[in-house]
Amino acid sequence: MVDDTQRSAPTDEPVLIVEDDAAYRQLLEDELGDARYRTLAVASAEDAQALLARRTVALVISDLRLPGADGRTVLEWTRTLTPVPGFIMLTGFGTIDEAVAALKAGADDFLTKPVDLEHLRLAVSRVLESRRLRAEVARYRALQTSSGFHGMSGTSPAMLKLFDLIRRIARSDSSVLITGESGTGKELVARALHAESPRADGPLVTLNCAGIPESLLESELLGHAAGAFSGARGARRGLFAEADGGTLFLDEIAEMPPAMQPKLLRVLQDGQVRPVGANAEIQTDVRVLAATHRDIAERIRSGDFREDLFYRLETFRIDVPPLRERGEDVAALLRERLQAQTAALGLPPRRFSPRALRALLQYPYPGNVRELISLVERAVTLADGEVIEIGDLPERVQIDAGPLSDIRLQVLPPTRSHAEDWETLAEREARYIREVLAFTDGNKQQAARILGIGRKTLYRKIDEGL
């Protein structure tokens, strides 16, 4: 019997619990239910297989020992699914070696029974966050073209400069601070640094510093010894140990609690980790990458972030450009995402109406590439026919620019602080024409129709040297 209680949940997809002990199964359901997760529960691997054949789940939590087929078989079945759900193995104290084997086979984590319920919630949150990030990376990779670079697309000078910087910095073993607005792809930059580095064959371990309770962050990063605190029944490796020989990516580093910052600084200085409650230090070989969308200088001034830690992390710094500074990349990304989304939904080709495309090309994208992807996905889903109209776009984007001659342009005043951002009306017009030509793959007839001008006028402007 499957209990599919509907709850308001942190994830749209349920968590599947595979546990033959009815009382323990109910305990896990209750605990996850209290954390607002929707749950499904079955008593055997065979029931799990039948359910997975017809339902998509975000995460599977399975006991290793089950009647009939065991938890390893459930893990093998999940590896064949699309998308692949997260997987947490539950083991007894005598089966740690088998749990380690499960990790090598693709499990995301394992917990020993009886499970500490606070660590259960943390493990579930971590695995689901990792799954979300993998899905987001996959979405970005859908934008990849022949000029793509580790899932990032772009031929603008800003992006070519970024790709070159990543290649050069990747050769070093020093820490890197990645900064940029939300949605610019800082995680992709970290993955590219790892993939281009000599550590590419080692692990890449990620942690969102804003998503871990302060009371558990030290244990999560450094690990803990058995009995180090209430509920620590066994020793646990920290993320530094898991990343040994590879890379540790600390996202939202500016949110790290002040009490943890000096401990991270010591690890960065000598490479040694002392798990909570342990008597000895462990030597690790880890390259640390950190990212933030916050103004970290302001965090230092307010006393929320240590200046010495900042300098230690900022041996190299990479500033990821916002989408509004990437020129014709916007048009290329719109075209590529439109093709990818229609293909993913099995729909015939779609195209933007001239009004819709004008609005999308002029929109400033405060949410950057992530927002562009969401806008296109929404438009493809809502459009009734093959033409995506301006009404299929959110209200904030529905700006009817009209013909090119009627475009309202906001030109920055020629102040000293904005000298590099100065753009004349003629330059803005030329850039807009180039973006439309990029979107239409150079089809001048289609471009003229979108621009609202005659072909002769377009040819004249091209001859004048855009």
Protein backbone atom coordinates (compact mmCIF):
# COMPACT_ATOMS: atom_id res chain seq x y z
CA MET A 1 0.00 0.00 0.00
CA VAL A 2 1.36 3.42 -1.00
CA ASP A 3 0.54 6.37 1.22
CA ASP A 4 0.55 9.43 -1.05
CA THR A 5 -0.54 12.14 1.33
CA GLN A 6 -0.64 15.52 -0.41
CA ARG A 7 1.29 18.19 1.46
CA SER A 8 2.74 21.58 0.66
CA ALA A 9 6.34 20.55 0.03
CA PRO A 10 9.79 22.06 -0.59
CA THR A 11 9.91 19.98 -3.80
CA ASP A 12 7.12 19.32 -6.29
CA GLU A 13 8.05 15.64 -6.45
CA PRO A 14 7.65 13.23 -3.50
CA VAL A 15 10.26 11.38 -1.49
CA LEU A 16 10.00 7.59 -1.68
CA ILE A 17 10.75 5.60 1.50
CA VAL A 18 11.59 1.90 1.08
CA GLU A 19 11.55 0.27 4.52
CA ASP A 20 10.12 -3.11 5.56
CA ASP A 21 9.78 -2.21 9.25
CA ALA A 22 6.31 -0.63 9.44
CA ALA A 23 6.96 1.35 12.62
CA TYR A 24 10.28 2.72 11.34
CA ARG A 25 8.72 3.50 7.96
CA GLN A 26 6.01 5.51 9.73
CA LEU A 27 8.64 7.36 11.79
CA LEU A 28 10.47 8.45 8.64
CA GLU A 29 7.21 9.51 7.01
CA ASP A 30 6.21 11.57 10.03
CA GLU A 31 9.59 13.26 10.27
CA LEU A 32 9.68 14.22 6.60
CA GLY A 33 6.04 15.23 6.75
CA ASP A 34 6.84 17.63 9.57
CA ALA A 35 9.49 19.13 7.28
CA ARG A 36 6.77 19.62 4.61
CA TYR A 37 8.00 16.91 2.22
CA ARG A 38 5.42 14.83 0.39
CA THR A 39 6.12 11.15 0.88
CA LEU A 40 5.44 7.77 -0.67
CA ALA A 41 6.23 4.62 1.28
CA VAL A 42 6.59 0.95 0.33
CA ALA A 43 7.80 -2.14 2.16
CA SER A 44 9.90 -3.90 -0.49
CA ALA A 45 12.23 -3.36 -3.41
CA GLU A 46 9.71 -4.96 -5.75
CA ASP A 47 7.01 -2.49 -4.69
CA ALA A 48 9.51 0.33 -5.16
CA GLN A 49 10.27 -0.82 -8.70
CA ALA A 50 6.56 -0.94 -9.57
CA LEU A 51 6.03 2.55 -8.20
CA LEU A 52 9.11 4.03 -9.91
CA ALA A 53 7.86 2.66 -13.22
CA ARG A 54 4.84 4.97 -13.07
CA ARG A 55 5.86 7.86 -10.79
CA THR A 56 8.65 10.40 -10.78
CA VAL A 57 10.20 10.99 -7.38
CA ALA A 58 12.78 13.50 -6.22
CA LEU A 59 14.56 11.20 -3.77
CA VAL A 60 14.62 7.55 -2.67
CA ILE A 61 15.46 6.63 0.93
CA SER A 62 15.98 2.88 1.08
CA ASP A 63 17.04 0.42 3.73
CA LEU A 64 19.92 -1.76 2.58
CA ARG A 65 18.37 -4.94 4.05
CA LEU A 66 14.97 -5.71 2.56
CA PRO A 67 12.95 -8.88 2.02
CA GLY A 68 13.64 -10.21 -1.48
CA ALA A 69 15.77 -7.81 -3.52
CA ASP A 70 17.83 -5.43 -1.39
CA GLY A 71 18.53 -1.72 -1.36
CA ARG A 72 21.38 -2.05 -3.83
CA THR A 73 18.89 -3.36 -6.38
CA VAL A 74 16.66 -0.36 -5.75
CA LEU A 75 19.70 1.86 -6.34
CA GLU A 76 20.43 0.12 -9.64
CA TRP A 77 16.84 0.69 -10.78
CA THR A 78 16.99 4.39 -9.94
CA ARG A 79 20.12 4.82 -12.05
CA THR A 80 18.07 3.91 -15.16
CA LEU A 81 15.41 6.56 -14.59
CA THR A 82 15.15 9.96 -16.26
CA PRO A 83 15.57 12.21 -14.40
CA VAL A 84 17.64 10.23 -11.90
CA PRO A 85 16.30 10.74 -8.36
CA GLY A 86 18.56 11.35 -5.40
CA PHE A 87 19.34 8.30 -3.25
CA ILE A 88 20.07 7.86 0.47
CA MET A 89 20.91 4.38 1.79
CA LEU A 90 20.00 3.36 5.33
CA THR A 91 22.32 0.83 6.94
CA GLY A 92 22.91 -0.95 10.22
CA PHE A 93 26.17 -0.52 12.13
CA GLY A 94 27.54 -3.78 10.72
CA THR A 95 27.12 -2.84 7.06
CA ILE A 96 29.31 0.25 6.67
CA ASP A 97 31.49 -1.41 4.02
CA GLU A 98 28.38 -2.14 1.99
CA ALA A 99 27.25 1.45 2.40
CA VAL A 100 30.57 2.68 1.06
CA ALA A 101 30.09 0.34 -1.90
CA ALA A 102 26.65 1.89 -2.41
CA LEU A 103 28.23 5.36 -2.57
CA LYS A 104 30.59 4.14 -5.25
CA ALA A 105 27.60 2.70 -7.12
CA GLY A 106 25.89 6.08 -7.22
CA ALA A 107 24.14 6.69 -3.89
CA ASP A 108 24.31 10.30 -2.73
CA ASP A 109 24.59 9.56 0.99
CA PHE A 110 24.09 6.89 3.64
CA LEU A 111 22.82 7.07 7.20
CA THR A 112 23.24 4.50 9.95
CA LYS A 113 20.21 3.20 11.84
CA PRO A 114 18.76 4.30 14.12
CA VAL A 115 18.85 7.51 12.11
CA ASP A 116 19.41 10.81 13.87
CA LEU A 117 16.35 12.72 12.68
CA GLU A 118 18.10 16.09 12.47
CA HIS A 119 20.78 14.56 10.27
CA LEU A 120 18.05 12.93 8.19
CA ARG A 121 16.53 16.31 7.43
CA LEU A 122 19.95 17.75 6.62
CA ALA A 123 20.85 14.84 4.33
CA VAL A 124 17.53 15.09 2.48
CA SER A 125 17.97 18.84 2.04
CA ARG A 126 21.53 18.42 0.76
CA VAL A 127 20.69 15.70 -1.73
CA LEU A 128 17.68 17.57 -3.09
CA GLU A 129 19.70 20.77 -3.41
CA SER A 130 22.42 18.87 -5.28
CA ARG A 131 19.78 17.38 -7.57
CA ARG A 132 18.33 20.86 -8.21
CA LEU A 133 21.76 22.22 -9.09
CA ARG A 134 22.44 19.31 -11.45
CA ALA A 135 19.12 20.00 -13.19
CA GLU A 136 19.98 23.68 -13.49
CA VAL A 137 23.38 22.87 -14.97
CA ALA A 138 21.65 20.56 -17.45
CA ARG A 139 19.33 23.39 -18.43
CA TYR A 140 22.27 25.68 -19.05
CA ARG A 141 23.98 22.98 -21.08
CA ALA A 142 20.95 22.88 -23.35
CA LEU A 143 22.08 26.33 -24.44
CA GLN A 144 25.51 25.08 -25.43
CA THR A 145 26.55 25.68 -29.02
CA SER A 146 29.69 24.84 -30.96
CA SER A 147 31.24 27.83 -29.24
CA GLY A 148 30.03 26.63 -25.82
CA PHE A 149 32.40 26.20 -22.92
CA HIS A 150 31.49 23.71 -20.20
CA GLY A 151 27.79 24.47 -20.46
CA MET A 152 28.21 28.23 -20.96
CA SER A 153 27.30 29.83 -24.29
CA GLY A 154 28.46 33.12 -25.65
CA THR A 155 30.58 34.80 -28.27
CA SER A 156 30.44 38.31 -26.81
CA PRO A 157 33.77 39.88 -25.79
CA ALA A 158 32.71 39.64 -22.13
CA MET A 159 32.18 35.87 -22.33
CA LEU A 160 35.27 35.16 -24.43
CA LYS A 161 37.29 37.05 -21.84
CA LEU A 162 35.63 34.97 -19.09
CA PHE A 163 36.42 31.66 -20.84
CA ASP A 164 40.06 32.66 -21.31
CA LEU A 165 40.35 33.70 -17.66
CA ILE A 166 38.91 30.37 -16.49
CA ARG A 167 41.42 28.42 -18.60
CA ARG A 168 44.36 30.34 -17.17
CA ILE A 169 43.25 30.32 -13.53
CA ALA A 170 42.33 26.62 -13.67
CA ARG A 171 46.01 25.71 -13.94
CA SER A 172 46.66 27.14 -10.48
CA ASP A 173 45.87 25.39 -7.21
CA SER A 174 45.00 28.59 -5.35
CA SER A 175 41.58 29.64 -4.08
CA VAL A 176 39.18 31.53 -6.34
CA LEU A 177 36.38 33.93 -5.42
CA ILE A 178 33.60 33.98 -8.02
CA THR A 179 31.32 37.01 -7.88
CA GLY A 180 28.30 38.02 -9.92
CA GLU A 181 24.60 38.67 -9.80
CA SER A 182 22.10 35.89 -9.18
CA GLY A 183 21.45 33.82 -12.28
CA THR A 184 24.71 34.60 -14.08
CA GLY A 185 26.07 31.06 -13.77
CA LYS A 186 28.61 31.18 -10.95
CA GLU A 187 28.19 27.44 -10.33
CA LEU A 188 28.96 26.77 -13.99
CA VAL A 189 32.15 28.81 -13.66
CA ALA A 190 33.17 26.70 -10.65
CA ARG A 191 32.48 23.49 -12.57
CA ALA A 192 34.47 24.78 -15.53
CA LEU A 193 37.42 25.64 -13.27
CA HIS A 194 37.36 22.11 -11.86
CA ALA A 195 36.99 20.48 -15.30
CA GLU A 196 39.88 22.50 -16.76
CA SER A 197 42.17 21.88 -13.78
CA PRO A 198 44.63 19.05 -13.07
CA ARG A 199 42.09 17.95 -10.42
CA ALA A 200 39.44 17.14 -13.04
CA ASP A 201 39.59 13.41 -12.24
CA GLY A 202 39.04 14.10 -8.54
CA PRO A 203 35.73 14.87 -6.81
CA LEU A 204 33.87 18.16 -7.05
CA VAL A 205 31.93 18.69 -3.81
CA THR A 206 29.51 21.60 -3.43
CA LEU A 207 27.94 23.26 -0.39
CA ASN A 208 25.49 26.14 -0.17
CA CYS A 209 26.62 27.96 2.97
CA ALA A 210 23.23 29.67 3.28
CA GLY A 211 21.37 26.35 3.32
CA ILE A 212 22.98 24.71 6.36
CA PRO A 213 22.00 25.51 9.97
CA GLU A 214 24.84 27.19 11.83
CA SER A 215 24.81 24.44 14.47
CA LEU A 216 25.59 21.78 11.85
CA LEU A 217 27.89 23.67 9.47
CA GLU A 218 31.15 22.81 11.26
CA SER A 219 30.28 19.11 11.37
CA GLU A 220 29.23 19.24 7.72
CA LEU A 221 32.51 20.79 6.57
CA LEU A 222 35.00 19.18 8.95
CA GLY A 223 33.21 15.97 10.00
CA HIS A 224 32.82 14.69 13.54
CA ALA A 225 33.99 11.88 15.77
CA ALA A 226 31.63 9.35 17.31
CA GLY A 227 29.96 10.83 20.39
CA ALA A 228 31.12 14.36 19.57
CA PHE A 229 27.64 15.68 20.34
CA SER A 230 24.17 14.41 21.04
CA GLY A 231 23.06 12.19 18.17
CA ALA A 232 26.56 11.61 16.78
CA ARG A 233 26.40 7.83 17.10
CA GLY A 234 29.18 7.22 14.61
CA ALA A 235 32.06 9.10 13.05
CA ARG A 236 31.27 11.07 9.90
CA ARG A 237 33.54 12.41 7.20
CA GLY A 238 33.22 16.10 6.41
CA LEU A 239 33.07 17.68 2.98
CA PHE A 240 36.77 18.57 3.07
CA ALA A 241 37.57 14.87 3.45
CA GLU A 242 35.11 13.97 0.68
CA ALA A 243 36.76 16.52 -1.63
CA ASP A 244 40.30 15.25 -0.94
CA GLY A 245 42.25 15.28 -4.20
CA GLY A 246 39.62 17.45 -5.85
CA THR A 247 37.70 20.69 -5.43
CA LEU A 248 35.33 22.06 -2.80
CA PHE A 249 32.88 24.72 -4.01
CA LEU A 250 31.41 26.91 -1.26
CA ASP A 251 28.44 28.78 -2.71
CA GLU A 252 27.06 31.86 -0.95
CA ILE A 253 30.27 32.16 1.07
CA ALA A 254 29.24 35.62 2.34
CA GLU A 255 26.50 33.93 4.39
CA MET A 256 28.96 31.79 6.36
CA PRO A 257 28.42 32.41 10.12
CA PRO A 258 31.20 34.45 11.76
CA ALA A 259 32.02 31.64 14.22
CA MET A 260 32.88 29.28 11.35
CA GLN A 261 35.05 31.72 9.42
CA PRO A 262 38.27 31.43 11.49
CA LYS A 263 38.02 27.62 11.33
CA LEU A 264 37.76 27.75 7.55
CA LEU A 265 40.70 30.17 7.45
CA ARG A 266 42.87 27.72 9.41
CA VAL A 267 42.02 24.91 6.98
CA LEU A 268 42.90 27.12 4.02
CA GLN A 269 46.21 28.07 5.62
CA ASP A 270 47.55 24.62 6.53
CA GLY A 271 45.29 22.13 4.75
CA GLN A 272 44.55 20.29 7.99
CA VAL A 273 41.06 19.45 9.24
CA ARG A 274 40.12 18.55 12.80
CA PRO A 275 36.69 16.87 12.93
CA VAL A 276 34.41 17.98 15.76
CA GLY A 277 35.29 15.99 18.89
CA ALA A 278 38.44 14.47 17.37
CA ASN A 279 41.88 14.55 19.01
CA ALA A 280 43.94 14.63 15.84
CA GLU A 281 43.98 16.57 12.60
CA ILE A 282 43.59 15.10 9.12
CA GLN A 283 45.68 16.34 6.21
CA THR A 284 43.65 17.14 3.10
CA ASP A 285 44.48 18.18 -0.43
CA VAL A 286 41.58 20.36 -1.55
CA ARG A 287 41.25 23.38 -3.80
CA VAL A 288 38.57 25.78 -2.55
CA LEU A 289 36.34 27.80 -4.84
CA ALA A 290 33.87 30.24 -3.31
CA ALA A 291 31.05 32.30 -4.78
CA THR A 292 28.73 35.08 -3.71
CA HIS A 293 26.21 37.49 -5.22
CA ARG A 294 26.56 39.81 -2.22
CA ASP A 295 28.76 42.90 -1.91
CA ILE A 296 31.40 41.19 0.19
CA ALA A 297 33.23 44.46 0.83
CA GLU A 298 30.10 45.73 2.55
CA ARG A 299 29.95 42.52 4.60
CA ILE A 300 33.53 43.19 5.73
CA ARG A 301 32.72 46.78 6.69
CA SER A 302 29.71 45.63 8.71
CA GLY A 303 31.85 43.07 10.57
CA ASP A 304 29.95 40.07 9.18
CA PHE A 305 32.89 38.73 7.16
CA ARG A 306 36.56 38.46 8.10
CA GLU A 307 38.91 40.51 5.96
CA ASP A 308 41.76 37.98 6.30
CA LEU A 309 39.47 35.18 5.07
CA PHE A 310 38.41 37.35 2.14
CA TYR A 311 42.03 37.90 1.09
CA ARG A 312 42.74 34.18 1.47
CA LEU A 313 39.82 33.28 -0.78
CA GLU A 314 40.52 36.03 -3.30
CA THR A 315 43.89 34.82 -4.53
CA PHE A 316 42.10 34.94 -7.86
CA ARG A 317 38.80 36.66 -8.53
CA ILE A 318 36.37 36.04 -11.37
CA ASP A 319 33.52 38.48 -11.97
CA VAL A 320 30.79 36.80 -14.04
CA PRO A 321 29.22 39.40 -16.38
CA PRO A 322 25.47 40.05 -16.18
CA LEU A 323 23.44 39.27 -19.27
CA ARG A 324 22.82 42.96 -20.05
CA GLU A 325 26.57 43.36 -20.68
CA ARG A 326 26.81 40.45 -23.11
CA GLY A 327 25.67 42.16 -26.32
CA GLU A 328 24.39 39.84 -29.05
CA ASP A 329 24.54 36.83 -26.70
CA VAL A 330 20.95 37.67 -25.69
CA ALA A 331 19.63 37.05 -29.18
CA ALA A 332 21.60 33.82 -29.56
CA LEU A 333 20.44 32.55 -26.18
CA LEU A 334 16.81 33.33 -27.02
CA ARG A 335 17.04 31.42 -30.28
CA GLU A 336 18.85 28.44 -28.78
CA ARG A 337 16.55 28.20 -25.78
CA LEU A 338 13.47 28.46 -28.00
CA GLN A 339 14.69 25.54 -30.11
CA ALA A 340 15.70 23.48 -27.06
CA GLN A 341 12.40 24.00 -25.23
CA THR A 342 10.16 23.18 -28.19
CA ALA A 343 12.21 20.03 -28.82
CA ALA A 344 12.02 19.04 -25.15
CA LEU A 345 8.21 19.31 -25.21
CA GLY A 346 7.89 17.54 -28.55
CA LEU A 347 6.31 20.61 -30.17
CA PRO A 348 6.63 21.86 -33.75
CA PRO A 349 8.97 24.82 -34.23
CA ARG A 350 7.93 28.08 -32.55
CA ARG A 351 8.88 31.66 -33.37
CA PHE A 352 8.51 35.01 -31.65
CA SER A 353 6.30 37.69 -33.13
CA PRO A 354 8.12 40.94 -33.95
CA ARG A 355 6.57 42.65 -30.91
CA ALA A 356 7.50 39.81 -28.58
CA LEU A 357 11.08 39.65 -29.85
CA ARG A 358 11.51 43.43 -29.57
CA ALA A 359 10.36 43.25 -25.97
CA LEU A 360 12.68 40.35 -25.15
CA LEU A 361 15.69 42.01 -26.77
CA GLN A 362 15.17 45.27 -24.88
CA TYR A 363 14.37 43.70 -21.51
CA PRO A 364 17.27 44.18 -19.01
CA TYR A 365 17.08 40.64 -17.47
CA PRO A 366 17.73 41.41 -13.79
CA GLY A 367 17.61 37.64 -13.20
CA ASN A 368 20.18 37.08 -15.98
CA VAL A 369 20.43 33.78 -17.88
CA ARG A 370 18.27 31.95 -15.34
CA GLU A 371 15.48 34.46 -15.95
CA LEU A 372 15.86 34.26 -19.74
CA ILE A 373 15.47 30.48 -19.60
CA SER A 374 12.35 30.76 -17.44
CA LEU A 375 10.83 33.41 -19.71
CA VAL A 376 11.26 31.28 -22.82
CA GLU A 377 9.97 28.13 -21.11
CA ARG A 378 6.90 30.03 -19.93
CA ALA A 379 6.26 31.54 -23.37
CA VAL A 380 6.56 28.20 -25.20
CA THR A 381 4.18 26.58 -22.72
CA LEU A 382 1.53 29.33 -22.87
CA ALA A 383 1.58 30.01 -26.63
CA ASP A 384 -1.50 28.68 -28.44
CA GLY A 385 0.13 28.36 -31.84
CA GLU A 386 3.46 28.47 -33.56
CA VAL A 387 3.84 32.22 -32.99
CA ILE A 388 4.68 33.43 -29.49
CA GLU A 389 2.91 36.75 -29.01
CA ILE A 390 3.80 39.53 -26.59
CA GLY A 391 0.81 38.52 -24.47
CA ASP A 392 2.54 35.19 -23.77
CA LEU A 393 5.27 37.09 -21.90
CA PRO A 394 5.05 38.33 -18.29
CA GLU A 395 3.73 41.85 -17.83
CA ARG A 396 7.16 43.14 -16.80
CA VAL A 397 8.48 42.24 -20.26
CA GLN A 398 5.52 43.47 -22.29
CA ILE A 399 7.12 46.63 -23.57
CA ASP A 400 5.99 47.35 -27.12
CA ALA A 401 9.01 49.10 -28.56
CA GLY A 402 7.22 49.79 -31.83
CA PRO A 403 9.23 50.23 -35.03
CA LEU A 404 12.93 50.94 -34.71
CA SER A 405 12.37 54.64 -35.28
CA ASP A 406 10.12 54.78 -32.19
CA ILE A 407 12.39 52.91 -29.77
CA ARG A 408 12.66 54.75 -26.48
CA LEU A 409 16.28 54.63 -25.41
CA GLN A 410 17.59 55.52 -21.99
CA VAL A 411 21.01 57.09 -22.45
CA LEU A 412 23.16 57.55 -19.37
CA PRO A 413 24.37 61.08 -18.66
CA PRO A 414 28.04 61.66 -19.52
CA THR A 415 29.22 61.70 -15.94
CA ARG A 416 32.71 60.65 -14.94
CA SER A 417 31.37 57.59 -13.05
CA HIS A 418 29.47 56.35 -16.10
CA ALA A 419 32.00 57.23 -18.78
CA GLU A 420 32.44 53.66 -19.92
CA ASP A 421 28.65 53.08 -20.09
CA TRP A 422 28.02 56.06 -22.37
CA GLU A 423 26.14 54.98 -25.49
CA THR A 424 24.79 57.37 -28.10
CA LEU A 425 21.44 56.88 -29.75
CA ALA A 426 23.14 55.81 -32.99
CA GLU A 427 25.29 53.25 -31.15
CA ARG A 428 22.25 51.86 -29.32
CA GLU A 429 20.34 51.61 -32.59
CA ALA A 430 23.26 49.82 -34.27
CA ARG A 431 23.55 47.37 -31.39
CA TYR A 432 19.84 46.59 -31.54
CA ILE A 433 20.04 45.91 -35.29
CA ARG A 434 23.00 43.57 -34.72
CA GLU A 435 21.02 41.69 -32.04
CA VAL A 436 18.06 41.18 -34.37
CA LEU A 437 20.36 40.04 -37.19
CA ALA A 438 22.00 37.60 -34.77
CA PHE A 439 18.60 36.23 -33.74
CA THR A 440 17.56 35.70 -37.37
CA ASP A 441 20.90 34.13 -38.33
CA GLY A 442 21.50 36.98 -40.76
CA ASN A 443 18.11 36.73 -42.51
CA LYS A 444 17.75 40.37 -43.53
CA GLN A 445 14.14 40.07 -44.72
CA GLN A 446 13.05 38.65 -41.38
CA ALA A 447 15.20 41.13 -39.49
CA ALA A 448 13.67 44.10 -41.35
CA ARG A 449 10.17 42.85 -40.52
CA ILE A 450 11.04 42.55 -36.81
CA LEU A 451 12.70 45.97 -36.81
CA GLY A 452 9.70 47.55 -38.53
CA ILE A 453 11.79 49.09 -41.30
CA GLY A 454 12.16 48.45 -45.03
CA ARG A 455 14.84 46.18 -46.40
CA LYS A 456 16.47 49.08 -48.25
CA THR A 457 16.74 50.99 -44.99
CA LEU A 458 18.29 47.96 -43.31
CA TYR A 459 20.79 47.44 -46.14
CA ARG A 460 21.73 51.12 -45.94
CA LYS A 461 22.37 50.93 -42.23
CA ILE A 462 24.48 47.79 -42.71
CA ASP A 463 26.49 49.53 -45.45
CA GLU A 464 27.08 52.44 -43.06
CA GLY A 465 28.96 49.98 -40.87
CA LEU A 466 27.10 48.59 -37.86
